[in-house]
Amino acid sequence: MKEYDVIVLGSGPGGEGAAMTCAKAGKSVAIIDKSEEVGGGCVHWGTIPSKTLRHMIWRYQMMKQDPIFSTWGKEIEFQDLVDRAKTVITKQSNMRSAFYDRNKVDFYDGHGSFIDAHKIAVKGPHGSEIITGKKIVIAVGTRPYRPANIDFTDPRIRDSNTILSLPETPSSITIYGAGVIGCEYASIFRALGCKVNLVNTRDKLLSFLDDEIVDALSYHLRDNGVLIRHNEVYDKVETSEDCVVLHSKSGKQLKSEYFLWANGRTGNTDTLNLSAIDLEANSRQQLKVNENYQIIKGDDDATTLDHIYAVGDVIGFPGLASASYDQGRFAATHIVDGCCDRRLVDNIPSGIYTIPEISSIGPTEAELTEQRVPYEVGHAMFRSLARAQIVDVRVGMLKILFHRETFEILGIHCFGYQAAEIIHIGQAIMSQEGAGNDLRYFVNTTFNYPTMAEAYRVAAYNGLNRL
């Protein structure tokens, strides 16, 4: 039975952050993953494949719209995009495997489960073995939630994991759930020419975003032909040889060739045998942790399993790959040093890869209004930027919220071309303490021309002119 200083369950961003930080500090580390290839759901089913699909279909869409390439007649199928995504997945997985090899991290291919507080049973394709760890990090991530009354064995019913194995480009698809995943796939399939029904259980899309951004996304999805149904809850889903029918509780029926369930996720803790360590996950199979990412038992926040940590999606919010990696690093720092004074920053940028894409950081207008903060708004419309005109993507805007008296940047919300890249410029200024966080920085800084970054100067002038 092999002994390690640290055992990490899961090789996604959270597990990678923990394993690499511990290994570089000289700890002996084992990492266990149910997949033969490392990277977790982020690399194999979630972030990497969906963003690759989105990028390829966006390029295809731009080419079709450009009159210079109007004679280019090849039609792209969904599996063409998936094949391209597989090349990126392989590169990402191989790169991470090399990280582990170089840092002498042992990789175990199989399912890990607790025998007791320090022993882990690993059941893999080549047999079973038991390993022990002084410290254990749970980073098993989440998977799509599957209601019991929907038959996911039917080939016409998919979730965000199985959608990648779709054998053809659908002529029509109903997407149930209008969160980030649902909106992203609605953009992808509509750009492929597929008729899309997007069913939202709430009254508006992505309600955590700024209202102006939500309105813009809703408009452009509808303008591109996506049928959005708000405030609808499914009653049942029926399939036949050639179609799927979603029956809603309101009495509506939506018929399509395929059905994609994109409503909710659940933690991958059900196979960990948590009862062996007297631990129970919550109703969403997620775990509760303290400020050091040590697991909390029950409702008493003072009762912890001091040597067992949990990071990433399995602990809930914010559920972002970038944040999960940092959580893994911070937990590992506590393992190595016995303390960690680093925390996730208050303002984490979000990136949503719809078409057009969205990114934001900081509070929305509604939140600032509720907090009675005296703020002002600066806009830069992409149609006025030379760079946007050059690449012919004039839809979009950058929106800066700042304090009317101190000029402190409070929030940044971006919609359109390269939004998820542009946001980091503002993030860097927002992170400065005191006088360093000042809207006037953008007025007094020389930006390369023509660039999308120039939107910050335009938005800053626009906001200052409102005072």
Protein backbone atom coordinates (compact mmCIF):
# COMPACT_ATOMS: atom_id res chain seq x y z
CA MET A 1 0.00 0.00 0.00
CA LYS A 2 1.63 3.23 -1.20
CA GLU A 3 1.62 6.27 1.06
CA TYR A 4 1.47 9.91 -0.05
CA ASP A 5 1.58 13.27 1.62
CA VAL A 6 -1.39 14.38 -0.49
CA ILE A 7 -4.04 12.53 -2.50
CA VAL A 8 -6.13 14.58 -4.92
CA LEU A 9 -9.46 13.22 -6.20
CA GLY A 10 -10.11 14.74 -9.63
CA SER A 11 -7.80 16.25 -12.27
CA GLY A 12 -9.86 19.28 -13.31
CA PRO A 13 -8.69 22.85 -12.63
CA GLY A 14 -9.19 22.59 -8.84
CA GLY A 15 -7.35 19.27 -8.59
CA GLU A 16 -4.57 20.47 -10.86
CA GLY A 17 -4.04 23.63 -8.81
CA ALA A 18 -3.81 21.62 -5.60
CA ALA A 19 -1.63 18.83 -6.97
CA MET A 20 0.89 21.09 -8.71
CA THR A 21 1.25 23.47 -5.77
CA CYS A 22 1.86 20.61 -3.34
CA ALA A 23 4.27 18.86 -5.71
CA LYS A 24 6.32 22.01 -6.25
CA ALA A 25 6.56 22.37 -2.46
CA GLY A 26 8.20 18.93 -2.25
CA LYS A 27 5.17 16.89 -1.18
CA SER A 28 4.56 13.39 -2.55
CA VAL A 29 1.31 13.62 -4.50
CA ALA A 30 -1.12 11.20 -6.14
CA ILE A 31 -3.97 12.33 -8.35
CA ILE A 32 -6.93 10.07 -9.17
CA ASP A 33 -9.32 10.54 -12.08
CA LYS A 34 -11.98 8.30 -13.56
CA SER A 35 -10.84 9.23 -17.07
CA GLU A 36 -7.69 7.79 -18.62
CA GLU A 37 -6.81 11.29 -19.82
CA VAL A 38 -6.34 14.11 -17.33
CA GLY A 39 -8.15 17.44 -17.33
CA GLY A 40 -11.53 16.62 -15.84
CA GLY A 41 -14.87 17.86 -17.13
CA CYS A 42 -13.38 21.27 -17.96
CA VAL A 43 -11.12 19.81 -20.66
CA HIS A 44 -13.19 16.88 -21.90
CA TRP A 45 -16.88 17.87 -21.76
CA GLY A 46 -17.25 21.47 -20.64
CA THR A 47 -15.16 24.59 -21.07
CA ILE A 48 -12.66 23.54 -23.74
CA PRO A 49 -14.99 21.72 -26.19
CA SER A 50 -17.87 24.21 -25.94
CA LYS A 51 -15.59 27.24 -26.37
CA THR A 52 -13.83 25.59 -29.30
CA LEU A 53 -17.20 24.88 -30.93
CA ARG A 54 -18.25 28.46 -30.37
CA HIS A 55 -15.04 29.91 -31.81
CA MET A 56 -15.17 27.76 -34.95
CA ILE A 57 -18.82 28.50 -35.65
CA TRP A 58 -18.23 32.21 -35.07
CA ARG A 59 -15.41 32.19 -37.66
CA TYR A 60 -17.63 30.26 -40.05
CA GLN A 61 -20.45 32.72 -39.53
CA MET A 62 -18.20 35.74 -40.14
CA MET A 63 -16.87 34.19 -43.34
CA LYS A 64 -20.36 33.53 -44.66
CA GLN A 65 -21.32 37.16 -44.00
CA ASP A 66 -18.25 38.63 -45.70
CA PRO A 67 -18.91 39.32 -49.41
CA ILE A 68 -15.26 38.62 -50.24
CA PHE A 69 -15.79 34.97 -49.28
CA SER A 70 -19.34 34.68 -50.61
CA THR A 71 -18.30 32.11 -53.23
CA TRP A 72 -16.98 29.73 -50.54
CA GLY A 73 -19.64 27.06 -50.58
CA LYS A 74 -18.64 24.43 -48.02
CA GLU A 75 -21.25 23.80 -45.34
CA ILE A 76 -19.97 22.89 -41.90
CA GLU A 77 -21.57 20.08 -39.93
CA PHE A 78 -21.69 19.75 -36.15
CA GLN A 79 -19.26 16.84 -36.15
CA ASP A 80 -16.72 18.97 -38.08
CA LEU A 81 -16.71 21.29 -35.07
CA VAL A 82 -16.47 18.37 -32.63
CA ASP A 83 -13.49 16.94 -34.53
CA ARG A 84 -11.73 20.29 -34.21
CA ALA A 85 -12.55 20.40 -30.50
CA LYS A 86 -11.06 16.93 -30.03
CA THR A 87 -7.67 18.15 -31.28
CA VAL A 88 -7.68 20.92 -28.67
CA ILE A 89 -8.83 18.50 -25.95
CA THR A 90 -5.96 16.14 -26.78
CA LYS A 91 -3.39 18.94 -26.70
CA GLN A 92 -4.68 20.25 -23.37
CA SER A 93 -4.78 16.79 -21.79
CA ASN A 94 -1.30 15.85 -23.02
CA MET A 95 0.11 19.13 -21.76
CA ARG A 96 -1.30 18.51 -18.29
CA SER A 97 -0.02 14.93 -18.25
CA ALA A 98 3.43 16.31 -18.97
CA PHE A 99 3.08 18.69 -16.00
CA TYR A 100 2.40 15.76 -13.68
CA ASP A 101 5.26 13.69 -15.13
CA ARG A 102 7.78 16.51 -14.74
CA ASN A 103 6.73 17.15 -11.15
CA LYS A 104 6.64 13.45 -10.22
CA VAL A 105 2.91 13.36 -9.48
CA ASP A 106 1.56 9.79 -9.69
CA PHE A 107 -1.61 9.51 -11.79
CA TYR A 108 -4.18 6.81 -11.04
CA ASP A 109 -6.78 6.00 -13.68
CA GLY A 110 -9.95 4.91 -11.91
CA HIS A 111 -12.66 5.72 -9.38
CA GLY A 112 -11.44 6.74 -5.96
CA SER A 113 -13.53 6.21 -2.82
CA PHE A 114 -12.93 6.45 0.91
CA ILE A 115 -12.20 3.39 3.03
CA ASP A 116 -11.50 5.51 6.05
CA ALA A 117 -10.24 9.03 6.78
CA HIS A 118 -6.84 8.37 5.15
CA LYS A 119 -7.28 5.33 2.90
CA ILE A 120 -8.58 5.59 -0.66
CA ALA A 121 -9.62 2.62 -2.79
CA VAL A 122 -8.87 3.07 -6.48
CA LYS A 123 -10.84 0.87 -8.87
CA GLY A 124 -9.59 1.16 -12.42
CA PRO A 125 -9.52 -0.76 -15.70
CA HIS A 126 -6.37 -2.59 -14.61
CA GLY A 127 -7.57 -3.68 -11.18
CA SER A 128 -7.93 -2.24 -7.70
CA GLU A 129 -5.49 -0.95 -5.10
CA ILE A 130 -5.46 1.02 -1.89
CA ILE A 131 -3.37 4.13 -1.27
CA THR A 132 -3.12 6.32 1.82
CA GLY A 133 -2.71 10.06 2.20
CA LYS A 134 -1.90 12.34 5.12
CA LYS A 135 -4.00 15.01 3.41
CA ILE A 136 -6.80 14.56 0.87
CA VAL A 137 -8.27 17.07 -1.57
CA ILE A 138 -11.69 16.42 -3.12
CA ALA A 139 -11.95 18.07 -6.53
CA VAL A 140 -14.36 15.75 -8.31
CA GLY A 141 -16.41 18.51 -9.96
CA THR A 142 -20.00 18.24 -11.11
CA ARG A 143 -22.07 16.66 -13.86
CA PRO A 144 -25.38 17.59 -15.51
CA TYR A 145 -28.37 16.99 -13.26
CA ARG A 146 -30.66 14.33 -14.74
CA PRO A 147 -34.31 14.17 -13.64
CA ALA A 148 -35.54 10.62 -13.13
CA ASN A 149 -38.54 11.08 -15.44
CA ILE A 150 -36.47 11.91 -18.53
CA ASP A 151 -34.97 9.02 -20.50
CA PHE A 152 -31.37 10.02 -21.18
CA THR A 153 -30.69 6.67 -22.84
CA ASP A 154 -32.79 7.81 -25.78
CA PRO A 155 -30.44 9.01 -28.57
CA ARG A 156 -32.57 12.12 -29.16
CA ILE A 157 -32.17 13.35 -25.58
CA ARG A 158 -28.82 14.85 -24.61
CA ASP A 159 -27.15 16.78 -21.83
CA SER A 160 -24.06 19.00 -21.95
CA ASN A 161 -21.77 15.96 -21.62
CA THR A 162 -23.38 13.81 -24.31
CA ILE A 163 -24.19 16.56 -26.81
CA LEU A 164 -20.66 16.25 -28.22
CA SER A 165 -21.45 12.76 -29.55
CA LEU A 166 -24.40 13.99 -31.59
CA PRO A 167 -24.17 12.05 -34.87
CA GLU A 168 -25.47 14.85 -37.13
CA THR A 169 -26.30 18.51 -37.34
CA PRO A 170 -29.89 18.75 -36.10
CA SER A 171 -32.50 20.49 -38.18
CA SER A 172 -34.10 21.60 -34.90
CA ILE A 173 -33.33 21.38 -31.20
CA THR A 174 -35.09 22.34 -27.97
CA ILE A 175 -32.76 23.49 -25.19
CA TYR A 176 -34.26 23.30 -21.71
CA GLY A 177 -32.46 25.69 -19.39
CA ALA A 178 -31.35 29.18 -20.36
CA GLY A 179 -28.35 29.52 -18.10
CA VAL A 180 -24.82 29.97 -19.39
CA ILE A 181 -24.62 26.51 -20.99
CA GLY A 182 -28.07 26.77 -22.56
CA CYS A 183 -27.44 30.22 -24.04
CA GLU A 184 -24.02 29.20 -25.39
CA TYR A 185 -25.38 26.13 -27.15
CA ALA A 186 -28.37 28.11 -28.45
CA SER A 187 -25.88 30.44 -30.17
CA ILE A 188 -23.85 27.55 -31.57
CA PHE A 189 -26.75 25.58 -33.02
CA ARG A 190 -28.50 28.63 -34.43
CA ALA A 191 -25.30 29.69 -36.19
CA LEU A 192 -25.29 26.22 -37.81
CA GLY A 193 -28.72 26.97 -39.26
CA CYS A 194 -30.58 24.84 -36.75
CA LYS A 195 -34.04 25.93 -35.53
CA VAL A 196 -33.63 26.53 -31.79
CA ASN A 197 -36.21 26.63 -29.01
CA LEU A 198 -34.64 28.04 -25.83
CA VAL A 199 -36.81 27.30 -22.79
CA ASN A 200 -36.15 29.42 -19.71
CA THR A 201 -37.62 28.52 -16.31
CA ARG A 202 -37.20 32.16 -15.19
CA ASP A 203 -38.52 35.50 -16.42
CA LYS A 204 -35.34 36.66 -18.18
CA LEU A 205 -32.01 35.33 -19.39
CA LEU A 206 -28.93 35.29 -17.14
CA SER A 207 -30.43 37.49 -14.44
CA PHE A 208 -27.07 37.88 -12.66
CA LEU A 209 -25.88 40.11 -15.53
CA ASP A 210 -26.44 43.83 -15.95
CA ASP A 211 -29.92 44.50 -17.38
CA GLU A 212 -28.56 46.31 -20.43
CA ILE A 213 -26.40 43.30 -21.30
CA VAL A 214 -29.30 40.89 -20.79
CA ASP A 215 -31.50 42.98 -23.06
CA ALA A 216 -28.80 43.02 -25.74
CA LEU A 217 -28.31 39.25 -25.57
CA SER A 218 -32.06 38.58 -25.75
CA TYR A 219 -32.42 40.91 -28.73
CA HIS A 220 -29.57 39.36 -30.71
CA LEU A 221 -30.60 35.77 -29.99
CA ARG A 222 -34.12 36.56 -31.19
CA ASP A 223 -32.82 38.59 -34.11
CA ASN A 224 -30.81 35.54 -35.19
CA GLY A 225 -33.93 33.36 -35.03
CA VAL A 226 -33.82 31.73 -31.58
CA LEU A 227 -37.31 31.23 -30.12
CA ILE A 228 -37.13 32.06 -26.40
CA ARG A 229 -39.84 30.86 -24.03
CA HIS A 230 -39.69 32.42 -20.55
CA ASN A 231 -41.33 31.15 -17.34
CA GLU A 232 -41.85 27.64 -18.65
CA VAL A 233 -41.44 24.45 -16.63
CA TYR A 234 -41.44 21.03 -18.26
CA ASP A 235 -44.10 18.47 -17.44
CA LYS A 236 -42.78 15.59 -19.50
CA VAL A 237 -40.59 14.82 -22.50
CA GLU A 238 -41.84 12.33 -25.11
CA THR A 239 -39.73 10.80 -27.88
CA SER A 240 -40.45 8.97 -31.10
CA GLU A 241 -38.28 7.68 -33.91
CA ASP A 242 -37.90 11.08 -35.55
CA CYS A 243 -38.62 13.75 -32.91
CA VAL A 244 -38.85 14.87 -29.30
CA VAL A 245 -41.82 16.75 -27.82
CA LEU A 246 -41.44 18.88 -24.70
CA HIS A 247 -44.71 19.27 -22.82
CA SER A 248 -44.70 22.28 -20.49
CA LYS A 249 -46.92 22.72 -17.46
CA SER A 250 -48.49 25.73 -19.15
CA GLY A 251 -49.83 23.44 -21.86
CA LYS A 252 -47.34 24.37 -24.59
CA GLN A 253 -45.72 21.70 -26.75
CA LEU A 254 -42.36 22.18 -28.46
CA LYS A 255 -41.44 19.64 -31.13
CA SER A 256 -37.87 19.25 -32.37
CA GLU A 257 -35.45 16.70 -33.76
CA TYR A 258 -33.29 16.69 -30.61
CA PHE A 259 -33.62 17.79 -27.00
CA LEU A 260 -30.78 19.22 -24.87
CA TRP A 261 -31.18 19.28 -21.10
CA ALA A 262 -29.15 22.21 -19.70
CA ASN A 263 -30.84 22.87 -16.38
CA GLY A 264 -28.72 22.36 -13.28
CA ARG A 265 -25.69 20.39 -12.18
CA THR A 266 -24.97 17.99 -9.34
CA GLY A 267 -21.74 17.14 -7.52
CA ASN A 268 -19.82 13.95 -8.30
CA THR A 269 -19.68 12.93 -4.64
CA ASP A 270 -22.11 10.02 -4.74
CA THR A 271 -19.38 7.47 -5.58
CA LEU A 272 -16.89 8.65 -2.92
CA ASN A 273 -18.37 6.53 -0.08
CA LEU A 274 -18.55 9.61 2.14
CA SER A 275 -20.29 7.58 4.84
CA ALA A 276 -16.92 5.98 5.57
CA ILE A 277 -15.74 9.32 6.95
CA ASP A 278 -19.11 10.19 8.51
CA LEU A 279 -19.76 12.90 5.94
CA GLU A 280 -22.91 13.72 3.98
CA ALA A 281 -23.19 16.00 0.94
CA ASN A 282 -26.08 18.44 0.58
CA SER A 283 -29.12 17.95 -1.67
CA ARG A 284 -27.05 18.98 -4.72
CA GLN A 285 -24.28 16.54 -3.74
CA GLN A 286 -21.97 19.44 -2.90
CA LEU A 287 -19.68 19.90 0.10
CA LYS A 288 -19.35 22.74 2.60
CA VAL A 289 -15.91 24.17 3.44
CA ASN A 290 -14.39 26.82 5.68
CA GLU A 291 -12.15 29.73 4.63
CA ASN A 292 -9.19 27.32 4.22
CA TYR A 293 -11.25 24.89 2.09
CA GLN A 294 -11.30 22.30 4.87
CA ILE A 295 -14.52 20.29 4.91
CA ILE A 296 -17.21 21.26 7.41
CA LYS A 297 -19.32 18.47 8.86
CA GLY A 298 -23.02 19.04 9.43
CA ASP A 299 -24.51 22.37 10.43
CA ASP A 300 -21.83 23.20 12.99
CA ASP A 301 -19.28 25.36 11.17
CA ALA A 302 -16.75 24.65 13.93
CA THR A 303 -16.68 20.90 13.18
CA THR A 304 -14.22 20.22 10.39
CA LEU A 305 -12.30 17.35 8.88
CA ASP A 306 -9.00 19.18 9.20
CA HIS A 307 -7.00 16.98 6.82
CA ILE A 308 -9.65 16.74 4.08
CA TYR A 309 -10.21 19.65 1.70
CA ALA A 310 -12.64 20.33 -1.14
CA VAL A 311 -12.27 22.79 -4.03
CA GLY A 312 -13.86 23.64 -7.36
CA ASP A 313 -17.40 23.14 -8.59
CA VAL A 314 -18.10 20.54 -5.91
CA ILE A 315 -18.25 23.33 -3.29
CA GLY A 316 -20.61 25.50 -5.36
CA PHE A 317 -20.25 29.18 -6.19
CA PRO A 318 -18.63 30.59 -8.26
CA GLY A 319 -18.19 27.41 -10.31
CA LEU A 320 -15.65 28.86 -12.73
CA ALA A 321 -12.58 27.02 -14.00
CA SER A 322 -10.38 30.01 -13.22
CA ALA A 323 -11.65 30.27 -9.65
CA SER A 324 -11.41 26.50 -9.12
CA TYR A 325 -7.72 26.51 -10.02
CA ASP A 326 -7.06 29.27 -7.48
CA GLN A 327 -9.07 27.45 -4.83
CA GLY A 328 -6.87 24.41 -5.41
CA ARG A 329 -3.73 26.52 -5.02
CA PHE A 330 -5.00 28.15 -1.83
CA ALA A 331 -5.99 24.82 -0.26
CA ALA A 332 -2.56 23.44 -1.14
CA THR A 333 -0.88 26.46 0.46
CA HIS A 334 -2.74 25.67 3.67
CA ILE A 335 -1.64 22.03 3.41
CA VAL A 336 2.00 23.00 2.90
CA ASP A 337 2.30 25.97 5.29
CA GLY A 338 -0.50 25.35 7.77
CA CYS A 339 -2.01 28.73 6.94
CA CYS A 340 -3.08 30.72 3.91
CA ASP A 341 -3.81 34.42 3.90
CA ARG A 342 -4.76 34.42 0.23
CA ARG A 343 -8.40 34.42 -0.79
CA LEU A 344 -10.32 34.60 -4.02
CA VAL A 345 -10.61 38.25 -4.95
CA ASP A 346 -14.02 39.81 -4.45
CA ASN A 347 -14.42 40.62 -8.13
CA ILE A 348 -13.99 37.61 -10.41
CA PRO A 349 -14.50 38.17 -14.15
CA SER A 350 -17.12 36.03 -15.83
CA GLY A 351 -16.92 35.02 -19.48
CA ILE A 352 -19.99 33.79 -21.36
CA TYR A 353 -19.27 32.55 -24.87
CA THR A 354 -22.53 33.27 -26.59
CA ILE A 355 -22.55 34.96 -29.99
CA PRO A 356 -21.80 37.81 -29.32
CA GLU A 357 -19.82 36.97 -26.18
CA ILE A 358 -20.25 38.57 -22.77
CA SER A 359 -17.93 39.37 -19.90
CA SER A 360 -18.40 41.33 -16.70
CA ILE A 361 -16.79 42.13 -13.39
CA GLY A 362 -18.17 43.93 -10.39
CA PRO A 363 -21.71 45.00 -9.47
CA THR A 364 -24.50 45.79 -11.93
CA GLU A 365 -26.45 49.04 -12.16
CA ALA A 366 -29.35 47.46 -10.28
CA GLU A 367 -27.05 46.39 -7.44
CA LEU A 368 -25.43 49.82 -7.15
CA THR A 369 -28.85 51.47 -7.18
CA GLU A 370 -30.04 49.20 -4.39
CA GLN A 371 -26.89 50.01 -2.39
CA ARG A 372 -27.49 53.76 -2.98
CA VAL A 373 -24.03 54.25 -4.47
CA PRO A 374 -23.71 57.52 -6.46
CA TYR A 375 -22.45 56.12 -9.76
CA GLU A 376 -22.26 57.22 -13.38
CA VAL A 377 -22.02 55.27 -16.63
CA GLY A 378 -19.56 55.50 -19.52
CA HIS A 379 -20.34 53.73 -22.80
CA ALA A 380 -18.25 52.84 -25.83
CA MET A 381 -20.26 51.45 -28.73
CA PHE A 382 -18.20 49.06 -30.83
CA ARG A 383 -19.62 50.40 -34.08
CA SER A 384 -17.58 53.58 -33.53
CA LEU A 385 -14.24 51.77 -33.03
CA ALA A 386 -11.91 51.47 -36.00
CA ARG A 387 -10.78 47.98 -35.00
CA ALA A 388 -14.37 46.72 -34.84
CA GLN A 389 -15.04 48.22 -38.27
CA ILE A 390 -11.94 46.52 -39.66
CA VAL A 391 -13.04 43.07 -38.48
CA ASP A 392 -16.66 43.94 -39.31
CA VAL A 393 -18.10 43.19 -35.87
CA ARG A 394 -19.94 46.35 -34.99
CA VAL A 395 -22.38 44.82 -32.53
CA GLY A 396 -21.39 45.37 -28.93
CA MET A 397 -20.38 47.82 -26.27
CA LEU A 398 -18.16 48.40 -23.26
CA LYS A 399 -19.87 49.83 -20.20
CA ILE A 400 -17.99 51.26 -17.22
CA LEU A 401 -19.71 52.05 -13.91
CA PHE A 402 -17.77 54.49 -11.75
CA HIS A 403 -18.23 56.58 -8.58
CA ARG A 404 -19.33 60.11 -9.37
CA GLU A 405 -17.17 61.69 -6.67
CA THR A 406 -14.03 59.56 -6.41
CA PHE A 407 -13.93 58.24 -10.03
CA GLU A 408 -13.38 54.74 -8.61
CA ILE A 409 -14.28 52.05 -11.15
CA LEU A 410 -17.08 49.97 -9.65
CA GLY A 411 -18.05 47.58 -12.43
CA ILE A 412 -17.33 46.77 -16.06
CA HIS A 413 -19.75 45.04 -18.41
CA CYS A 414 -18.88 44.12 -21.98
CA PHE A 415 -20.92 42.64 -24.81
CA GLY A 416 -19.47 41.76 -28.20
CA TYR A 417 -16.23 40.88 -29.97
CA GLN A 418 -13.40 39.79 -27.60
CA ALA A 419 -15.42 40.77 -24.51
CA ALA A 420 -13.76 38.08 -22.36
CA GLU A 421 -10.32 39.42 -23.31
CA ILE A 422 -11.15 43.12 -23.04
CA ILE A 423 -12.46 42.76 -19.49
CA HIS A 424 -9.00 42.07 -18.05
CA ILE A 425 -7.75 45.57 -18.79
CA GLY A 426 -10.42 47.05 -16.56
CA GLN A 427 -9.91 44.28 -14.00
CA ALA A 428 -6.26 45.28 -13.62
CA ILE A 429 -7.18 48.89 -12.81
CA MET A 430 -10.04 47.88 -10.50
CA SER A 431 -7.63 45.75 -8.47
CA GLN A 432 -5.43 48.76 -7.66
CA GLU A 433 -5.85 50.08 -4.16
CA GLY A 434 -6.76 53.66 -3.32
CA ALA A 435 -6.05 56.29 -5.97
CA GLY A 436 -4.79 53.65 -8.40
CA ASN A 437 -8.37 52.68 -9.22
CA ASP A 438 -9.40 55.77 -11.17
CA LEU A 439 -11.44 56.12 -14.35
CA ARG A 440 -9.14 58.91 -15.49
CA TYR A 441 -6.35 56.39 -15.99
CA PHE A 442 -7.97 55.46 -19.30
CA VAL A 443 -8.10 59.10 -20.44
CA ASN A 444 -4.43 59.66 -19.64
CA THR A 445 -3.16 56.40 -21.16
CA THR A 446 -2.10 55.97 -24.79
CA PHE A 447 -3.69 52.87 -26.36
CA ASN A 448 -2.49 51.15 -29.49
CA TYR A 449 -4.57 52.17 -32.49
CA PRO A 450 -6.62 50.56 -33.86
CA THR A 451 -7.49 48.12 -31.05
CA MET A 452 -10.55 46.99 -29.16
CA ALA A 453 -8.82 48.17 -25.97
CA GLU A 454 -9.39 51.71 -27.15
CA ALA A 455 -12.99 51.24 -26.02
CA TYR A 456 -11.82 52.07 -22.50
CA ARG A 457 -10.70 55.55 -23.52
CA VAL A 458 -13.94 56.16 -25.40
CA ALA A 459 -16.07 54.93 -22.49
CA ALA A 460 -14.09 56.97 -19.97
CA TYR A 461 -14.60 60.19 -21.95
CA ASN A 462 -18.27 59.36 -22.39
CA GLY A 463 -18.70 58.91 -18.65
CA LEU A 464 -16.76 62.03 -17.67
CA ASN A 465 -18.82 64.09 -20.10
CA ARG A 466 -21.95 63.10 -18.12
CA LEU A 467 -20.71 64.74 -14.94
